[in-house]
Amino acid sequence: MSTSQPLGRTAAAAPLRVRDQAREAAALIAFSAATASCLAVALLLLTRLGSQG
């Protein structure tokens, strides 16, 4: 078991509530989906441009 504290959190701080953890997880999911979508569109555009030339 790890004994290190996450960045920005101290031992005196209250632990995250479930709703805060869920909000952080939803933000991570949204960021990951947006990043993957942008990369997919960029690769699709590069493929289309490559096939035209």
Protein backbone atom coordinates (compact mmCIF):
# COMPACT_ATOMS: atom_id res chain seq x y z
CA MET A 1 0.00 0.00 0.00
CA SER A 2 1.35 3.40 -0.96
CA THR A 3 1.94 5.95 1.78
CA SER A 4 2.51 8.94 -0.49
CA GLN A 5 -0.03 11.75 -0.52
CA PRO A 6 -1.51 12.98 -3.81
CA LEU A 7 -0.28 16.38 -4.95
CA GLY A 8 -2.16 19.26 -3.38
CA ARG A 9 -3.59 17.18 -0.57
CA THR A 10 -2.35 17.17 2.99
CA ALA A 11 -2.99 14.78 5.82
CA ALA A 12 -5.16 17.39 7.55
CA ALA A 13 -7.43 17.86 4.51
CA ALA A 14 -10.74 16.03 4.47
CA PRO A 15 -10.88 13.06 2.11
CA LEU A 16 -12.67 13.55 -1.20
CA ARG A 17 -16.36 12.88 -1.19
CA VAL A 18 -17.78 10.35 -3.61
CA ARG A 19 -19.44 13.08 -5.68
CA ASP A 20 -16.09 14.89 -5.99
CA GLN A 21 -14.42 11.69 -7.14
CA ALA A 22 -17.25 11.11 -9.62
CA ARG A 23 -16.87 14.66 -10.96
CA GLU A 24 -13.13 14.15 -11.43
CA ALA A 25 -13.73 10.81 -13.14
CA ALA A 26 -16.31 12.35 -15.49
CA ALA A 27 -13.91 15.17 -16.35
CA LEU A 28 -11.17 12.65 -17.11
CA ILE A 29 -13.53 10.62 -19.31
CA ALA A 30 -14.63 13.74 -21.20
CA PHE A 31 -11.02 14.85 -21.71
CA SER A 32 -9.98 11.41 -22.92
CA ALA A 33 -12.92 11.20 -25.33
CA ALA A 34 -12.23 14.67 -26.74
CA THR A 35 -8.53 13.93 -27.17
CA ALA A 36 -9.18 10.60 -28.88
CA SER A 37 -11.75 12.19 -31.18
CA CYS A 38 -9.41 15.01 -32.18
CA LEU A 39 -6.61 12.57 -32.91
CA ALA A 40 -8.94 10.37 -34.97
CA VAL A 41 -10.11 13.35 -37.04
CA ALA A 42 -6.53 14.52 -37.55
CA LEU A 43 -5.46 11.07 -38.75
CA LEU A 44 -8.48 10.87 -41.04
CA LEU A 45 -7.62 14.25 -42.58
CA LEU A 46 -3.99 13.24 -43.05
CA THR A 47 -5.09 10.01 -44.72
CA ARG A 48 -7.46 11.85 -47.06
CA LEU A 49 -4.82 14.43 -47.97
CA GLY A 50 -2.25 11.69 -48.54
CA SER A 51 -4.49 9.73 -50.88
CA GLN A 52 -5.27 12.80 -53.03
CA GLY A 53 -1.64 13.53 -53.84
